[in-house]
Amino acid sequence: MRITTAKDIGRLIRQKRKDDGITLEDAAALCSVSYAFLSALENGKETVRLDKVLQVALCLGIEFEAHPRSWTSTGGSHQVLSDCTD
């Protein structure tokens, strides 16, 4: 799954939790985060703490992988090959 937004991460976390048959309350306890945090994460809140997002992902068995993109140089400035300004 390609992740480009906080909502994408939230959907992935929620789907994995549901696929595993774990309630939101139980998942929060298992992952040592609050119910409110996990709910916010699953709803795509953009201001959740990254360290806790990774903690929940690891707890639920989700791995993230990053791939660097190439940059092009034009007149002394750099631009990424694909648009970064949504």
N, C-alpha and C. Protein backbone atom coordinates (compact mmCIF):
# COMPACT_ATOMS: atom_id res chain seq x y z
N MET A 1 0.85 -1.18 0.00
CA MET A 1 0.00 0.00 0.00
C MET A 1 0.89 1.24 0.00
N ARG A 2 0.57 2.17 -0.86
CA ARG A 2 1.32 3.42 -0.90
C ARG A 2 0.72 4.38 0.13
N ILE A 3 1.57 4.92 0.98
CA ILE A 3 1.16 5.84 2.03
C ILE A 3 1.56 7.26 1.62
N THR A 4 0.57 8.14 1.49
CA THR A 4 0.88 9.53 1.16
C THR A 4 0.25 10.52 2.13
N THR A 5 -0.66 10.06 2.97
CA THR A 5 -1.33 10.96 3.91
C THR A 5 -1.50 10.29 5.27
N ALA A 6 -1.81 11.10 6.26
CA ALA A 6 -2.10 10.58 7.60
C ALA A 6 -3.33 9.68 7.56
N LYS A 7 -4.29 10.00 6.72
CA LYS A 7 -5.49 9.17 6.58
C LYS A 7 -5.14 7.78 6.05
N ASP A 8 -4.16 7.71 5.14
CA ASP A 8 -3.72 6.41 4.62
C ASP A 8 -3.16 5.54 5.74
N ILE A 9 -2.35 6.13 6.60
CA ILE A 9 -1.78 5.39 7.73
C ILE A 9 -2.90 4.94 8.65
N GLY A 10 -3.82 5.84 8.94
CA GLY A 10 -4.94 5.51 9.81
C GLY A 10 -5.77 4.35 9.27
N ARG A 11 -6.05 4.38 7.97
CA ARG A 11 -6.82 3.29 7.35
C ARG A 11 -6.07 1.96 7.46
N LEU A 12 -4.76 2.00 7.24
CA LEU A 12 -3.95 0.79 7.32
C LEU A 12 -3.96 0.22 8.74
N ILE A 13 -3.76 1.08 9.73
CA ILE A 13 -3.77 0.65 11.13
C ILE A 13 -5.13 0.05 11.49
N ARG A 14 -6.21 0.76 11.14
CA ARG A 14 -7.56 0.28 11.47
C ARG A 14 -7.84 -1.07 10.80
N GLN A 15 -7.50 -1.18 9.51
CA GLN A 15 -7.77 -2.43 8.79
C GLN A 15 -7.01 -3.60 9.40
N LYS A 16 -5.75 -3.39 9.74
CA LYS A 16 -4.95 -4.47 10.34
C LYS A 16 -5.54 -4.87 11.69
N ARG A 17 -5.91 -3.90 12.50
CA ARG A 17 -6.50 -4.19 13.81
C ARG A 17 -7.78 -5.00 13.65
N LYS A 18 -8.64 -4.56 12.73
CA LYS A 18 -9.91 -5.27 12.51
C LYS A 18 -9.68 -6.66 11.93
N ASP A 19 -8.74 -6.77 10.98
CA ASP A 19 -8.42 -8.08 10.41
C ASP A 19 -7.97 -9.06 11.49
N ASP A 20 -7.28 -8.53 12.50
CA ASP A 20 -6.79 -9.36 13.60
C ASP A 20 -7.85 -9.58 14.68
N GLY A 21 -9.03 -8.96 14.52
CA GLY A 21 -10.12 -9.16 15.47
C GLY A 21 -9.88 -8.52 16.82
N ILE A 22 -9.18 -7.39 16.83
CA ILE A 22 -8.85 -6.70 18.08
C ILE A 22 -9.68 -5.43 18.18
N THR A 23 -10.28 -5.20 19.33
CA THR A 23 -11.04 -3.96 19.53
C THR A 23 -10.08 -2.80 19.68
N LEU A 24 -10.59 -1.61 19.47
CA LEU A 24 -9.78 -0.40 19.63
C LEU A 24 -9.24 -0.32 21.05
N GLU A 25 -10.08 -0.60 22.01
CA GLU A 25 -9.67 -0.55 23.42
C GLU A 25 -8.56 -1.56 23.72
N ASP A 26 -8.71 -2.78 23.24
CA ASP A 26 -7.69 -3.80 23.47
C ASP A 26 -6.38 -3.47 22.75
N ALA A 27 -6.48 -2.98 21.52
CA ALA A 27 -5.27 -2.61 20.77
C ALA A 27 -4.52 -1.49 21.47
N ALA A 28 -5.24 -0.51 21.98
CA ALA A 28 -4.59 0.59 22.70
C ALA A 28 -3.83 0.05 23.90
N ALA A 29 -4.45 -0.84 24.64
CA ALA A 29 -3.79 -1.43 25.82
C ALA A 29 -2.58 -2.27 25.41
N LEU A 30 -2.73 -3.09 24.37
CA LEU A 30 -1.62 -3.94 23.90
C LEU A 30 -0.43 -3.11 23.42
N CYS A 31 -0.72 -1.97 22.80
CA CYS A 31 0.33 -1.13 22.21
C CYS A 31 0.82 -0.04 23.15
N SER A 32 0.28 -0.01 24.37
CA SER A 32 0.69 0.97 25.39
C SER A 32 0.47 2.41 24.95
N VAL A 33 -0.68 2.66 24.32
CA VAL A 33 -1.09 4.02 23.97
C VAL A 33 -2.51 4.21 24.48
N SER A 34 -2.93 5.45 24.55
CA SER A 34 -4.29 5.70 25.02
C SER A 34 -5.31 5.39 23.91
N TYR A 35 -6.52 5.13 24.36
CA TYR A 35 -7.64 4.92 23.44
C TYR A 35 -7.80 6.15 22.54
N ALA A 36 -7.70 7.34 23.15
CA ALA A 36 -7.86 8.59 22.39
C ALA A 36 -6.79 8.72 21.31
N PHE A 37 -5.54 8.35 21.65
CA PHE A 37 -4.47 8.43 20.65
C PHE A 37 -4.75 7.49 19.49
N LEU A 38 -5.07 6.24 19.79
CA LEU A 38 -5.29 5.26 18.72
C LEU A 38 -6.48 5.65 17.86
N SER A 39 -7.51 6.18 18.48
CA SER A 39 -8.67 6.65 17.72
C SER A 39 -8.27 7.79 16.79
N ALA A 40 -7.50 8.74 17.30
CA ALA A 40 -7.04 9.86 16.48
C ALA A 40 -6.18 9.37 15.32
N LEU A 41 -5.29 8.43 15.60
CA LEU A 41 -4.43 7.86 14.56
C LEU A 41 -5.27 7.19 13.47
N GLU A 42 -6.21 6.36 13.87
CA GLU A 42 -7.05 5.66 12.90
C GLU A 42 -7.94 6.61 12.10
N ASN A 43 -8.23 7.76 12.66
CA ASN A 43 -9.06 8.75 11.95
C ASN A 43 -8.23 9.72 11.12
N GLY A 44 -6.91 9.49 11.05
CA GLY A 44 -6.06 10.27 10.17
C GLY A 44 -5.65 11.63 10.69
N LYS A 45 -5.68 11.82 12.01
CA LYS A 45 -5.25 13.10 12.57
C LYS A 45 -3.79 13.33 12.22
N GLU A 46 -3.49 14.50 11.69
CA GLU A 46 -2.15 14.79 11.17
C GLU A 46 -1.14 15.17 12.25
N THR A 47 -1.59 15.42 13.46
CA THR A 47 -0.67 15.90 14.50
C THR A 47 -0.30 14.83 15.52
N VAL A 48 -0.58 13.57 15.24
CA VAL A 48 -0.18 12.51 16.17
C VAL A 48 1.34 12.37 16.17
N ARG A 49 1.87 11.90 17.28
CA ARG A 49 3.33 11.76 17.41
C ARG A 49 3.84 10.59 16.58
N LEU A 50 4.88 10.86 15.80
CA LEU A 50 5.45 9.85 14.92
C LEU A 50 5.98 8.65 15.70
N ASP A 51 6.63 8.89 16.83
CA ASP A 51 7.17 7.77 17.60
C ASP A 51 6.06 6.82 18.05
N LYS A 52 4.91 7.37 18.41
CA LYS A 52 3.79 6.53 18.83
C LYS A 52 3.14 5.82 17.63
N VAL A 53 3.12 6.48 16.48
CA VAL A 53 2.60 5.83 15.27
C VAL A 53 3.44 4.59 14.97
N LEU A 54 4.76 4.75 15.02
CA LEU A 54 5.65 3.62 14.76
C LEU A 54 5.51 2.54 15.83
N GLN A 55 5.30 2.95 17.07
CA GLN A 55 5.08 2.00 18.17
C GLN A 55 3.85 1.14 17.91
N VAL A 56 2.76 1.77 17.50
CA VAL A 56 1.52 1.05 17.21
C VAL A 56 1.72 0.13 16.01
N ALA A 57 2.35 0.64 14.96
CA ALA A 57 2.58 -0.18 13.77
C ALA A 57 3.39 -1.43 14.12
N LEU A 58 4.46 -1.26 14.87
CA LEU A 58 5.29 -2.39 15.27
C LEU A 58 4.48 -3.38 16.10
N CYS A 59 3.71 -2.86 17.03
CA CYS A 59 2.88 -3.69 17.91
C CYS A 59 1.88 -4.53 17.10
N LEU A 60 1.32 -3.95 16.06
CA LEU A 60 0.32 -4.65 15.25
C LEU A 60 0.93 -5.47 14.11
N GLY A 61 2.26 -5.41 13.97
CA GLY A 61 2.92 -6.20 12.93
C GLY A 61 2.93 -5.54 11.57
N ILE A 62 2.94 -4.21 11.56
CA ILE A 62 2.99 -3.46 10.30
C ILE A 62 4.40 -2.90 10.13
N GLU A 63 4.98 -3.11 8.97
CA GLU A 63 6.31 -2.57 8.67
C GLU A 63 6.18 -1.46 7.63
N PHE A 64 6.93 -0.39 7.83
CA PHE A 64 7.00 0.68 6.85
C PHE A 64 8.35 0.62 6.16
N GLU A 65 8.35 0.95 4.87
CA GLU A 65 9.58 0.97 4.09
C GLU A 65 9.59 2.26 3.29
N ALA A 66 10.72 2.94 3.29
CA ALA A 66 10.83 4.21 2.55
C ALA A 66 11.79 4.04 1.38
N HIS A 67 11.48 4.72 0.31
CA HIS A 67 12.32 4.69 -0.89
C HIS A 67 12.64 6.12 -1.29
N PRO A 68 13.92 6.50 -1.30
CA PRO A 68 14.26 7.87 -1.71
C PRO A 68 13.97 8.08 -3.19
N ARG A 69 13.53 9.29 -3.50
CA ARG A 69 13.27 9.64 -4.89
C ARG A 69 14.44 10.44 -5.43
N SER A 70 14.56 10.48 -6.73
CA SER A 70 15.63 11.23 -7.37
C SER A 70 15.27 12.71 -7.48
N TRP A 71 16.27 13.54 -7.47
CA TRP A 71 16.10 14.98 -7.61
C TRP A 71 16.73 15.42 -8.92
N THR A 72 16.21 16.49 -9.48
CA THR A 72 16.79 17.08 -10.68
C THR A 72 17.29 18.46 -10.33
N SER A 73 18.32 18.90 -10.98
CA SER A 73 18.87 20.23 -10.73
C SER A 73 18.53 21.14 -11.90
N THR A 74 17.96 22.31 -11.58
CA THR A 74 17.63 23.28 -12.62
C THR A 74 18.10 24.66 -12.18
N GLY A 75 19.16 25.12 -12.78
CA GLY A 75 19.63 26.48 -12.50
C GLY A 75 20.02 26.71 -11.04
N GLY A 76 20.65 25.74 -10.42
CA GLY A 76 21.11 25.90 -9.05
C GLY A 76 20.09 25.51 -7.99
N SER A 77 18.85 25.30 -8.38
CA SER A 77 17.86 24.85 -7.40
C SER A 77 17.54 23.39 -7.68
N HIS A 78 16.96 22.73 -6.70
CA HIS A 78 16.61 21.32 -6.86
C HIS A 78 15.10 21.16 -6.82
N GLN A 79 14.62 20.27 -7.64
CA GLN A 79 13.20 19.94 -7.65
C GLN A 79 13.07 18.44 -7.62
N VAL A 80 12.13 17.96 -6.83
CA VAL A 80 11.88 16.53 -6.81
C VAL A 80 11.13 16.17 -8.10
N LEU A 81 11.32 14.95 -8.56
CA LEU A 81 10.74 14.55 -9.83
C LEU A 81 9.22 14.53 -9.82
N SER A 82 8.62 14.25 -8.69
CA SER A 82 7.16 14.30 -8.62
C SER A 82 6.73 15.43 -7.70
N ASP A 83 5.52 15.87 -7.87
CA ASP A 83 5.01 17.03 -7.14
C ASP A 83 4.91 16.74 -5.64
N CYS A 84 5.45 17.63 -4.82
CA CYS A 84 5.41 17.49 -3.36
C CYS A 84 4.41 18.43 -2.73
N THR A 85 3.72 19.22 -3.51
CA THR A 85 2.85 20.25 -2.94
C THR A 85 1.40 19.92 -3.20
N ASP A 86 0.83 19.11 -2.33
CA ASP A 86 -0.60 18.78 -2.47
C ASP A 86 -1.44 19.90 -1.93
